[in-house]
N, C-alpha and C. Protein backbone atom coordinates (compact mmCIF):
# COMPACT_ATOMS: atom_id res chain seq x y z
N MET A 1 64.56 64.22 -29.94
CA MET A 1 65.67 63.62 -30.63
C MET A 1 65.50 63.70 -32.14
N ARG A 2 64.33 63.31 -32.60
CA ARG A 2 64.08 63.26 -34.03
C ARG A 2 64.21 64.65 -34.66
N CYS A 3 63.69 65.68 -33.96
CA CYS A 3 63.75 67.06 -34.47
C CYS A 3 65.21 67.51 -34.62
N ALA A 4 66.04 67.20 -33.64
CA ALA A 4 67.45 67.59 -33.71
C ALA A 4 68.14 66.90 -34.88
N SER A 5 67.79 65.66 -35.14
CA SER A 5 68.38 64.94 -36.28
C SER A 5 67.99 65.58 -37.59
N VAL A 6 66.73 65.99 -37.71
CA VAL A 6 66.25 66.63 -38.93
C VAL A 6 66.98 67.95 -39.14
N ILE A 7 67.16 68.70 -38.08
CA ILE A 7 67.85 69.99 -38.18
C ILE A 7 69.29 69.80 -38.65
N ARG A 8 69.97 68.81 -38.07
CA ARG A 8 71.36 68.55 -38.49
C ARG A 8 71.41 68.13 -39.96
N LEU A 9 70.43 67.30 -40.39
CA LEU A 9 70.38 66.86 -41.77
C LEU A 9 70.18 68.05 -42.71
N VAL A 10 69.26 68.95 -42.35
CA VAL A 10 69.00 70.14 -43.18
C VAL A 10 70.25 71.01 -43.23
N GLU A 11 70.92 71.17 -42.09
CA GLU A 11 72.14 71.98 -42.08
C GLU A 11 73.20 71.40 -43.00
N ARG A 12 73.35 70.08 -43.01
CA ARG A 12 74.33 69.45 -43.89
C ARG A 12 73.95 69.62 -45.36
N MET A 13 72.64 69.51 -45.64
CA MET A 13 72.18 69.65 -47.02
C MET A 13 72.40 71.08 -47.51
N VAL A 14 72.11 72.05 -46.65
CA VAL A 14 72.27 73.45 -47.03
C VAL A 14 73.74 73.77 -47.28
N ALA A 15 74.62 73.15 -46.53
CA ALA A 15 76.05 73.41 -46.69
C ALA A 15 76.54 73.01 -48.08
N PHE A 16 75.89 72.02 -48.71
CA PHE A 16 76.31 71.55 -50.03
C PHE A 16 75.62 72.24 -51.18
N VAL A 17 74.63 73.09 -50.91
CA VAL A 17 73.92 73.77 -51.99
C VAL A 17 74.81 74.89 -52.51
N PRO A 18 75.10 74.91 -53.81
CA PRO A 18 75.92 75.99 -54.35
C PRO A 18 75.17 77.32 -54.30
N ARG A 19 75.89 78.36 -53.96
CA ARG A 19 75.29 79.69 -53.85
C ARG A 19 75.52 80.49 -55.11
N LYS A 20 74.48 81.21 -55.53
CA LYS A 20 74.65 82.14 -56.66
C LYS A 20 75.23 83.42 -56.10
N SER A 21 75.83 84.18 -56.92
CA SER A 21 76.45 85.41 -56.45
C SER A 21 75.44 86.54 -56.28
N GLU A 22 74.31 86.47 -56.94
CA GLU A 22 73.37 87.57 -56.90
C GLU A 22 71.95 87.03 -57.00
N SER A 23 71.05 87.51 -56.12
CA SER A 23 69.66 87.04 -56.19
C SER A 23 68.82 88.01 -57.00
N LYS A 24 67.61 87.57 -57.32
CA LYS A 24 66.70 88.44 -58.06
C LYS A 24 66.32 89.66 -57.21
N THR A 25 66.23 89.46 -55.92
CA THR A 25 65.90 90.58 -55.04
C THR A 25 67.00 91.64 -55.09
N GLU A 26 68.26 91.19 -55.06
CA GLU A 26 69.36 92.15 -55.11
C GLU A 26 69.38 92.88 -56.45
N VAL A 27 69.08 92.16 -57.54
CA VAL A 27 69.02 92.81 -58.85
C VAL A 27 67.93 93.86 -58.84
N ALA A 28 66.74 93.50 -58.30
CA ALA A 28 65.62 94.45 -58.24
C ALA A 28 65.99 95.64 -57.35
N ALA A 29 66.68 95.38 -56.24
CA ALA A 29 67.06 96.46 -55.32
C ALA A 29 68.01 97.43 -56.00
N ALA A 30 68.88 96.91 -56.83
CA ALA A 30 69.83 97.79 -57.51
C ALA A 30 69.14 98.70 -58.51
N GLN A 31 67.97 98.30 -58.98
CA GLN A 31 67.25 99.10 -59.97
C GLN A 31 66.53 100.29 -59.33
N VAL A 32 66.38 100.30 -58.02
CA VAL A 32 65.71 101.41 -57.33
C VAL A 32 66.72 102.06 -56.39
N PRO A 33 67.54 102.96 -56.91
CA PRO A 33 68.59 103.55 -56.09
C PRO A 33 68.03 104.40 -54.96
N GLY A 34 68.73 104.34 -53.82
CA GLY A 34 68.38 105.21 -52.71
C GLY A 34 67.20 104.74 -51.89
N GLN A 35 66.55 103.66 -52.26
CA GLN A 35 65.41 103.18 -51.49
C GLN A 35 65.76 101.86 -50.84
N VAL A 36 65.23 101.66 -49.64
CA VAL A 36 65.39 100.36 -49.00
C VAL A 36 64.34 99.46 -49.59
N GLN A 37 64.77 98.34 -50.12
CA GLN A 37 63.84 97.41 -50.73
C GLN A 37 63.35 96.44 -49.67
N ARG A 38 62.07 96.48 -49.39
CA ARG A 38 61.49 95.46 -48.54
C ARG A 38 61.37 94.20 -49.37
N LEU A 39 61.40 93.11 -48.71
CA LEU A 39 61.23 91.85 -49.41
C LEU A 39 59.74 91.72 -49.71
N SER A 40 59.31 92.30 -50.83
CA SER A 40 57.89 92.46 -51.14
C SER A 40 57.16 91.13 -51.27
N LEU A 41 57.87 90.08 -51.57
CA LEU A 41 57.25 88.77 -51.67
C LEU A 41 56.57 88.39 -50.36
N PHE A 42 57.11 88.85 -49.23
CA PHE A 42 56.61 88.48 -47.92
C PHE A 42 55.63 89.50 -47.34
N GLY A 43 55.24 90.46 -48.12
CA GLY A 43 54.26 91.45 -47.69
C GLY A 43 54.88 92.59 -46.91
N PRO A 44 54.06 93.59 -46.60
CA PRO A 44 54.57 94.75 -45.85
C PRO A 44 54.84 94.36 -44.40
N PRO A 45 55.70 95.10 -43.71
CA PRO A 45 55.97 94.79 -42.30
C PRO A 45 54.72 95.07 -41.45
N LEU A 46 54.58 94.33 -40.40
CA LEU A 46 53.43 94.50 -39.51
C LEU A 46 53.79 95.53 -38.43
N LEU A 47 53.64 96.78 -38.82
CA LEU A 47 53.96 97.88 -37.91
C LEU A 47 52.69 98.35 -37.22
N LEU A 48 52.82 98.67 -35.94
CA LEU A 48 51.71 99.26 -35.21
C LEU A 48 51.68 100.76 -35.48
N GLU A 49 50.52 101.36 -35.27
CA GLU A 49 50.41 102.80 -35.48
C GLU A 49 51.41 103.52 -34.58
N GLY A 50 52.16 104.43 -35.18
CA GLY A 50 53.14 105.20 -34.44
C GLY A 50 54.55 104.62 -34.50
N GLU A 51 54.68 103.39 -34.99
CA GLU A 51 56.01 102.82 -35.11
C GLU A 51 56.71 103.40 -36.34
N ASP A 52 58.01 103.45 -36.27
CA ASP A 52 58.83 104.12 -37.28
C ASP A 52 59.16 103.17 -38.42
N ALA A 53 58.51 103.36 -39.58
CA ALA A 53 58.76 102.52 -40.75
C ALA A 53 60.19 102.68 -41.23
N ALA A 54 60.76 103.86 -41.11
CA ALA A 54 62.14 104.08 -41.54
C ALA A 54 63.10 103.26 -40.69
N ALA A 55 62.82 103.15 -39.38
CA ALA A 55 63.68 102.34 -38.51
C ALA A 55 63.59 100.86 -38.89
N TYR A 56 62.38 100.43 -39.23
CA TYR A 56 62.21 99.04 -39.68
C TYR A 56 63.00 98.81 -40.97
N ASP A 57 62.88 99.74 -41.90
CA ASP A 57 63.61 99.63 -43.17
C ASP A 57 65.12 99.60 -42.94
N GLU A 58 65.60 100.41 -41.99
CA GLU A 58 67.03 100.42 -41.69
C GLU A 58 67.48 99.08 -41.11
N LEU A 59 66.66 98.52 -40.21
CA LEU A 59 66.98 97.20 -39.65
C LEU A 59 67.04 96.15 -40.75
N LEU A 60 66.06 96.19 -41.66
CA LEU A 60 66.04 95.24 -42.77
C LEU A 60 67.25 95.43 -43.68
N ALA A 61 67.58 96.67 -43.99
CA ALA A 61 68.71 96.94 -44.87
C ALA A 61 70.02 96.48 -44.24
N ARG A 62 70.17 96.72 -42.95
CA ARG A 62 71.41 96.31 -42.28
C ARG A 62 71.51 94.79 -42.20
N MET A 63 70.37 94.14 -41.98
CA MET A 63 70.37 92.68 -41.93
C MET A 63 70.72 92.11 -43.31
N CYS A 64 70.13 92.68 -44.35
CA CYS A 64 70.43 92.22 -45.72
C CYS A 64 71.89 92.46 -46.06
N ALA A 65 72.43 93.58 -45.62
CA ALA A 65 73.84 93.88 -45.89
C ALA A 65 74.75 92.89 -45.18
N ALA A 66 74.36 92.47 -43.98
CA ALA A 66 75.19 91.53 -43.23
C ALA A 66 75.07 90.11 -43.77
N VAL A 67 73.84 89.69 -44.09
CA VAL A 67 73.61 88.31 -44.51
C VAL A 67 73.85 88.11 -46.00
N LYS A 68 73.54 89.12 -46.77
CA LYS A 68 73.65 89.06 -48.24
C LYS A 68 72.89 87.86 -48.80
N PRO A 69 71.55 87.89 -48.68
CA PRO A 69 70.76 86.74 -49.15
C PRO A 69 70.96 86.52 -50.66
N VAL A 70 71.12 85.24 -51.02
CA VAL A 70 71.36 84.92 -52.43
C VAL A 70 70.18 84.18 -53.07
N ASP A 71 69.23 83.75 -52.27
CA ASP A 71 68.07 83.06 -52.84
C ASP A 71 66.86 83.29 -51.93
N VAL A 72 65.73 82.73 -52.34
CA VAL A 72 64.49 82.96 -51.62
C VAL A 72 64.52 82.38 -50.21
N ILE A 73 65.27 81.29 -50.01
CA ILE A 73 65.38 80.71 -48.67
C ILE A 73 66.08 81.69 -47.74
N ASP A 74 67.18 82.26 -48.18
CA ASP A 74 67.87 83.28 -47.38
C ASP A 74 66.96 84.47 -47.14
N GLU A 75 66.23 84.87 -48.15
CA GLU A 75 65.33 86.02 -48.01
C GLU A 75 64.23 85.73 -46.99
N MET A 76 63.70 84.50 -46.98
CA MET A 76 62.69 84.12 -45.99
C MET A 76 63.27 84.21 -44.58
N LEU A 77 64.48 83.68 -44.43
CA LEU A 77 65.12 83.72 -43.11
C LEU A 77 65.38 85.15 -42.66
N VAL A 78 65.85 85.99 -43.57
CA VAL A 78 66.10 87.39 -43.23
C VAL A 78 64.79 88.07 -42.85
N ALA A 79 63.75 87.86 -43.63
CA ALA A 79 62.44 88.48 -43.32
C ALA A 79 61.95 88.03 -41.96
N ASP A 80 62.10 86.73 -41.64
CA ASP A 80 61.66 86.22 -40.34
C ASP A 80 62.50 86.80 -39.20
N ILE A 81 63.81 86.84 -39.39
CA ILE A 81 64.68 87.34 -38.32
C ILE A 81 64.42 88.82 -38.07
N VAL A 82 64.23 89.59 -39.13
CA VAL A 82 63.94 91.02 -38.96
C VAL A 82 62.60 91.20 -38.24
N ALA A 83 61.59 90.43 -38.64
CA ALA A 83 60.27 90.53 -37.98
C ALA A 83 60.37 90.15 -36.51
N LEU A 84 61.12 89.10 -36.21
CA LEU A 84 61.28 88.68 -34.81
C LEU A 84 62.07 89.70 -34.00
N GLN A 85 63.11 90.26 -34.60
CA GLN A 85 63.89 91.29 -33.90
C GLN A 85 63.04 92.52 -33.65
N TRP A 86 62.20 92.87 -34.62
CA TRP A 86 61.30 94.02 -34.44
C TRP A 86 60.35 93.76 -33.27
N GLU A 87 59.86 92.53 -33.16
CA GLU A 87 58.98 92.17 -32.04
C GLU A 87 59.72 92.32 -30.71
N VAL A 88 60.97 91.86 -30.66
CA VAL A 88 61.77 91.99 -29.44
C VAL A 88 61.91 93.47 -29.07
N LEU A 89 62.23 94.30 -30.05
CA LEU A 89 62.36 95.74 -29.79
C LEU A 89 61.05 96.34 -29.32
N ARG A 90 59.94 95.91 -29.93
CA ARG A 90 58.62 96.40 -29.53
C ARG A 90 58.33 96.03 -28.08
N TRP A 91 58.61 94.78 -27.69
CA TRP A 91 58.36 94.36 -26.31
C TRP A 91 59.26 95.11 -25.34
N ARG A 92 60.48 95.40 -25.74
CA ARG A 92 61.36 96.19 -24.86
C ARG A 92 60.82 97.60 -24.66
N ARG A 93 60.31 98.19 -25.75
CA ARG A 93 59.73 99.54 -25.61
C ARG A 93 58.51 99.50 -24.70
N LEU A 94 57.67 98.47 -24.86
CA LEU A 94 56.48 98.33 -24.01
C LEU A 94 56.88 98.14 -22.55
N LYS A 95 57.85 97.28 -22.31
CA LYS A 95 58.31 97.03 -20.94
C LYS A 95 58.83 98.32 -20.31
N ARG A 96 59.62 99.07 -21.07
CA ARG A 96 60.17 100.33 -20.56
C ARG A 96 59.03 101.31 -20.24
N THR A 97 58.06 101.38 -21.13
CA THR A 97 56.92 102.28 -20.92
C THR A 97 56.14 101.88 -19.68
N LEU A 98 55.88 100.58 -19.51
CA LEU A 98 55.14 100.12 -18.34
C LEU A 98 55.91 100.37 -17.05
N MET A 99 57.21 100.15 -17.09
CA MET A 99 58.02 100.40 -15.90
C MET A 99 58.04 101.89 -15.57
N GLN A 100 58.13 102.73 -16.59
CA GLN A 100 58.11 104.17 -16.35
C GLN A 100 56.76 104.60 -15.77
N GLU A 101 55.67 104.00 -16.28
CA GLU A 101 54.34 104.36 -15.79
C GLU A 101 54.19 104.02 -14.31
N VAL A 102 54.67 102.83 -13.92
CA VAL A 102 54.61 102.42 -12.51
C VAL A 102 55.45 103.37 -11.66
N ALA A 103 56.64 103.68 -12.12
CA ALA A 103 57.51 104.60 -11.37
C ALA A 103 56.89 105.99 -11.29
N LEU A 104 56.26 106.44 -12.37
CA LEU A 104 55.63 107.76 -12.38
C LEU A 104 54.48 107.82 -11.38
N LYS A 105 53.67 106.77 -11.34
CA LYS A 105 52.56 106.74 -10.37
C LYS A 105 53.08 106.73 -8.94
N ALA A 106 54.15 105.98 -8.69
CA ALA A 106 54.75 105.96 -7.34
C ALA A 106 55.28 107.33 -6.97
N LEU A 107 55.93 108.00 -7.92
CA LEU A 107 56.43 109.35 -7.68
C LEU A 107 55.29 110.31 -7.39
N GLU A 108 54.20 110.19 -8.14
CA GLU A 108 53.04 111.06 -7.90
C GLU A 108 52.46 110.83 -6.51
N ARG A 109 52.33 109.56 -6.08
CA ARG A 109 51.82 109.29 -4.72
C ARG A 109 52.73 109.88 -3.66
N PHE A 110 54.05 109.74 -3.86
CA PHE A 110 55.02 110.31 -2.92
C PHE A 110 54.86 111.83 -2.85
N LEU A 111 54.74 112.47 -4.00
CA LEU A 111 54.61 113.93 -4.04
C LEU A 111 53.31 114.39 -3.40
N ILE A 112 52.23 113.65 -3.63
CA ILE A 112 50.95 114.00 -3.00
C ILE A 112 51.10 113.99 -1.49
N ASP A 113 51.77 112.96 -0.95
CA ASP A 113 51.99 112.89 0.51
C ASP A 113 52.80 114.09 1.00
N ARG A 114 53.85 114.48 0.25
CA ARG A 114 54.67 115.62 0.66
C ARG A 114 53.86 116.92 0.59
N LEU A 115 53.07 117.06 -0.47
CA LEU A 115 52.28 118.28 -0.62
C LEU A 115 51.20 118.37 0.45
N GLU A 116 50.65 117.23 0.84
CA GLU A 116 49.62 117.23 1.87
C GLU A 116 50.19 117.65 3.22
N SER A 117 51.43 117.25 3.47
CA SER A 117 52.03 117.58 4.77
C SER A 117 52.64 118.99 4.80
N ASN A 118 52.77 119.63 3.62
CA ASN A 118 53.36 120.97 3.59
C ASN A 118 52.62 121.81 2.55
N TYR A 119 51.58 122.48 2.99
CA TYR A 119 50.72 123.28 2.10
C TYR A 119 51.50 124.37 1.37
N ALA A 120 52.53 124.90 2.02
CA ALA A 120 53.30 125.99 1.42
C ALA A 120 53.93 125.58 0.09
N LEU A 121 54.18 124.28 -0.09
CA LEU A 121 54.79 123.80 -1.33
C LEU A 121 53.88 123.96 -2.54
N HIS A 122 52.57 124.03 -2.30
CA HIS A 122 51.66 124.14 -3.45
C HIS A 122 50.58 125.21 -3.28
N GLU A 123 50.81 126.14 -2.39
CA GLU A 123 49.82 127.20 -2.17
C GLU A 123 49.57 128.01 -3.44
N GLU A 124 50.64 128.38 -4.13
CA GLU A 124 50.49 129.17 -5.36
C GLU A 124 49.74 128.38 -6.43
N HIS A 125 50.07 127.10 -6.54
CA HIS A 125 49.37 126.24 -7.51
C HIS A 125 47.90 126.11 -7.13
N PHE A 126 47.64 125.94 -5.83
CA PHE A 126 46.25 125.80 -5.39
C PHE A 126 45.45 127.05 -5.74
N GLN A 127 46.05 128.21 -5.58
CA GLN A 127 45.34 129.45 -5.91
C GLN A 127 44.95 129.48 -7.38
N SER A 128 45.88 129.15 -8.28
CA SER A 128 45.54 129.17 -9.72
C SER A 128 44.56 128.06 -10.06
N TYR A 129 44.70 126.89 -9.41
CA TYR A 129 43.77 125.78 -9.63
C TYR A 129 42.36 126.17 -9.18
N LEU A 130 42.27 126.80 -8.02
CA LEU A 130 40.98 127.25 -7.49
C LEU A 130 40.37 128.33 -8.39
N ALA A 131 41.19 129.24 -8.87
CA ALA A 131 40.69 130.29 -9.77
C ALA A 131 40.06 129.68 -11.02
N GLU A 132 40.68 128.65 -11.58
CA GLU A 132 40.12 127.99 -12.77
C GLU A 132 38.77 127.36 -12.47
N ILE A 133 38.64 126.77 -11.30
CA ILE A 133 37.35 126.17 -10.90
C ILE A 133 36.30 127.25 -10.73
N LEU A 134 36.68 128.33 -10.06
CA LEU A 134 35.72 129.40 -9.77
C LEU A 134 35.30 130.14 -11.04
N LYS A 135 36.15 130.15 -12.07
CA LYS A 135 35.79 130.84 -13.32
C LYS A 135 34.59 130.21 -14.01
N ASN A 136 34.28 128.97 -13.65
CA ASN A 136 33.09 128.32 -14.21
C ASN A 136 31.80 128.83 -13.57
N ASN A 137 31.94 129.52 -12.41
CA ASN A 137 30.75 129.97 -11.68
C ASN A 137 30.74 131.47 -11.38
N PHE A 138 31.86 132.13 -11.58
CA PHE A 138 31.96 133.56 -11.29
C PHE A 138 32.65 134.25 -12.46
N PRO A 139 32.48 135.57 -12.58
CA PRO A 139 33.25 136.30 -13.59
C PRO A 139 34.74 136.14 -13.32
N PRO A 140 35.57 136.15 -14.36
CA PRO A 140 37.01 135.88 -14.19
C PRO A 140 37.69 136.74 -13.13
N GLU A 141 37.41 138.03 -13.11
CA GLU A 141 38.07 138.90 -12.13
C GLU A 141 37.66 138.55 -10.70
N GLN A 142 36.36 138.27 -10.52
CA GLN A 142 35.87 137.90 -9.19
C GLN A 142 36.46 136.54 -8.78
N ALA A 143 36.58 135.61 -9.73
CA ALA A 143 37.14 134.30 -9.43
C ALA A 143 38.60 134.42 -8.97
N GLU A 144 39.36 135.27 -9.65
CA GLU A 144 40.76 135.49 -9.28
C GLU A 144 40.86 136.08 -7.87
N MET A 145 39.99 137.06 -7.59
CA MET A 145 40.00 137.71 -6.28
C MET A 145 39.62 136.72 -5.17
N LEU A 146 38.56 135.93 -5.42
CA LEU A 146 38.14 134.94 -4.42
C LEU A 146 39.24 133.90 -4.19
N ALA A 147 39.89 133.46 -5.25
CA ALA A 147 40.95 132.48 -5.11
C ALA A 147 42.10 133.04 -4.28
N ALA A 148 42.47 134.29 -4.51
CA ALA A 148 43.54 134.92 -3.75
C ALA A 148 43.17 135.04 -2.27
N GLU A 149 41.88 135.33 -1.99
CA GLU A 149 41.43 135.47 -0.60
C GLU A 149 41.33 134.12 0.10
N CYS A 150 41.00 133.05 -0.65
CA CYS A 150 40.77 131.73 -0.05
C CYS A 150 42.02 130.85 -0.02
N ALA A 151 43.06 131.20 -0.74
CA ALA A 151 44.23 130.33 -0.84
C ALA A 151 45.10 130.29 0.42
N PRO A 152 45.28 131.39 1.15
CA PRO A 152 46.15 131.31 2.34
C PRO A 152 45.63 130.28 3.33
N ASN A 153 46.54 129.64 4.02
CA ASN A 153 46.17 128.59 4.97
C ASN A 153 45.92 129.21 6.35
N THR A 154 44.83 129.99 6.43
CA THR A 154 44.43 130.58 7.71
C THR A 154 43.00 130.15 7.99
N ASP A 155 42.59 130.28 9.26
CA ASP A 155 41.22 129.88 9.62
C ASP A 155 40.19 130.70 8.86
N GLU A 156 40.43 132.01 8.76
CA GLU A 156 39.50 132.89 8.05
C GLU A 156 39.39 132.51 6.57
N ALA A 157 40.54 132.28 5.93
CA ALA A 157 40.54 131.91 4.51
C ALA A 157 39.89 130.54 4.31
N ASN A 158 40.15 129.60 5.21
CA ASN A 158 39.56 128.26 5.10
C ASN A 158 38.04 128.31 5.24
N ASP A 159 37.55 129.17 6.19
CA ASP A 159 36.09 129.32 6.34
C ASP A 159 35.48 129.89 5.07
N LYS A 160 36.11 130.91 4.52
CA LYS A 160 35.60 131.53 3.29
C LYS A 160 35.65 130.53 2.13
N LEU A 161 36.75 129.77 2.04
CA LEU A 161 36.87 128.76 0.99
C LEU A 161 35.76 127.73 1.10
N GLY A 162 35.51 127.27 2.31
CA GLY A 162 34.43 126.30 2.52
C GLY A 162 33.09 126.84 2.08
N ARG A 163 32.77 128.09 2.43
CA ARG A 163 31.48 128.69 2.03
C ARG A 163 31.38 128.84 0.52
N VAL A 164 32.47 129.32 -0.10
CA VAL A 164 32.46 129.53 -1.56
C VAL A 164 32.26 128.20 -2.28
N LEU A 165 32.98 127.18 -1.84
CA LEU A 165 32.88 125.88 -2.51
C LEU A 165 31.51 125.23 -2.30
N ILE A 166 30.97 125.38 -1.11
CA ILE A 166 29.62 124.84 -0.85
C ILE A 166 28.60 125.54 -1.74
N SER A 167 28.78 126.82 -1.96
CA SER A 167 27.84 127.58 -2.80
C SER A 167 27.83 127.09 -4.25
N ILE A 168 28.92 126.45 -4.69
CA ILE A 168 28.94 125.94 -6.06
C ILE A 168 28.88 124.40 -6.09
N GLY A 169 28.60 123.82 -4.93
CA GLY A 169 28.38 122.38 -4.87
C GLY A 169 29.63 121.52 -4.81
N LEU A 170 30.71 122.07 -4.29
CA LEU A 170 31.95 121.31 -4.18
C LEU A 170 32.38 121.22 -2.72
N GLY A 171 33.14 120.18 -2.40
CA GLY A 171 33.68 120.01 -1.06
C GLY A 171 35.12 120.47 -0.99
N MET A 172 35.50 121.06 0.13
CA MET A 172 36.84 121.61 0.27
C MET A 172 37.90 120.51 0.19
N ASN A 173 37.67 119.38 0.85
CA ASN A 173 38.66 118.31 0.82
C ASN A 173 38.87 117.76 -0.59
N ASP A 174 37.78 117.65 -1.36
CA ASP A 174 37.89 117.14 -2.73
C ASP A 174 38.72 118.09 -3.59
N VAL A 175 38.47 119.37 -3.45
CA VAL A 175 39.21 120.36 -4.25
C VAL A 175 40.68 120.38 -3.85
N LEU A 176 40.96 120.32 -2.55
CA LEU A 176 42.36 120.28 -2.10
C LEU A 176 43.07 119.02 -2.61
N ASP A 177 42.38 117.87 -2.51
CA ASP A 177 42.97 116.61 -2.98
C ASP A 177 43.24 116.67 -4.48
N ASP A 178 42.28 117.20 -5.24
CA ASP A 178 42.45 117.30 -6.69
C ASP A 178 43.60 118.25 -7.05
N ALA A 179 43.70 119.34 -6.31
CA ALA A 179 44.78 120.31 -6.57
C ALA A 179 46.14 119.68 -6.28
N ARG A 180 46.24 118.94 -5.16
CA ARG A 180 47.51 118.27 -4.84
C ARG A 180 47.86 117.23 -5.90
N ALA A 181 46.86 116.46 -6.33
CA ALA A 181 47.10 115.45 -7.36
C ALA A 181 47.54 116.10 -8.66
N ASP A 182 46.93 117.22 -9.01
CA ASP A 182 47.28 117.94 -10.24
C ASP A 182 48.72 118.46 -10.16
N LYS A 183 49.09 119.02 -9.01
CA LYS A 183 50.45 119.54 -8.84
C LYS A 183 51.46 118.40 -8.84
N ALA A 184 51.13 117.28 -8.19
CA ALA A 184 52.04 116.12 -8.17
C ALA A 184 52.25 115.58 -9.57
N LYS A 185 51.18 115.52 -10.35
CA LYS A 185 51.31 115.03 -11.73
C LYS A 185 52.18 115.97 -12.55
N GLU A 186 51.99 117.26 -12.38
CA GLU A 186 52.79 118.26 -13.09
C GLU A 186 54.27 118.12 -12.73
N LEU A 187 54.56 117.96 -11.44
CA LEU A 187 55.95 117.82 -10.99
C LEU A 187 56.57 116.52 -11.52
N ALA A 188 55.80 115.43 -11.49
CA ALA A 188 56.31 114.14 -11.98
C ALA A 188 56.60 114.20 -13.47
N GLN A 189 55.73 114.83 -14.23
CA GLN A 189 55.96 114.94 -15.67
C GLN A 189 57.17 115.83 -15.97
N GLU A 190 57.34 116.86 -15.18
CA GLU A 190 58.52 117.72 -15.34
C GLU A 190 59.79 116.92 -15.04
N TYR A 191 59.73 116.09 -14.01
CA TYR A 191 60.88 115.24 -13.67
C TYR A 191 61.22 114.30 -14.83
N VAL A 192 60.20 113.70 -15.44
CA VAL A 192 60.42 112.80 -16.57
C VAL A 192 61.03 113.56 -17.74
N ARG A 193 60.50 114.76 -18.03
CA ARG A 193 61.04 115.56 -19.15
C ARG A 193 62.50 115.90 -18.93
N VAL A 194 62.85 116.30 -17.72
CA VAL A 194 64.22 116.71 -17.43
C VAL A 194 65.17 115.51 -17.48
N ASN A 195 64.70 114.34 -17.05
CA ASN A 195 65.57 113.19 -16.95
C ASN A 195 65.47 112.22 -18.12
N GLU A 196 64.71 112.56 -19.15
CA GLU A 196 64.66 111.71 -20.32
C GLU A 196 65.98 111.74 -21.05
N THR A 197 66.39 110.58 -21.53
CA THR A 197 67.61 110.55 -22.31
C THR A 197 67.26 110.86 -23.76
N PRO A 198 68.04 111.72 -24.40
CA PRO A 198 67.73 112.12 -25.78
C PRO A 198 67.92 110.99 -26.77
């Protein structure tokens, strides 16, 4: 109750304060044409690395244009409102990013399941993935040839793949799982790129 009474009292007092037509900040801003004047009295904006300072300046400029602060009290309120609005925008960006990350992981799990049940969907990818692994242990041409021989989903190719992988200390299931995960991630990222709004 008491807080509400104080607020009403302050509002009534502010209503009777005569306003000047121009503040010192506006005079200073007019002296630097073409630049957005931050309210330097309140320090630089608290931007995180990678945040767009120009967007912050635009928000501040638009707020100042709408409110037209005439004294330091108005300037304090504008600085606070801009900082709070920037925080709201930051949290919205974070929320969107987190939601996209969860959706991306779900899409990757779904794609891994589809790729596991249908080898033909990623046979070509598996061959190039296997060739990259084998290049660490064999000459590039031999690695490419071995990958081409081991990639088809036949008993003979699977036996050869198992022997080749054992010879370099890898398990066939691990390599297949990693290849499927790599392909699923690639497909999910492509989906995000295609469906991103500009």
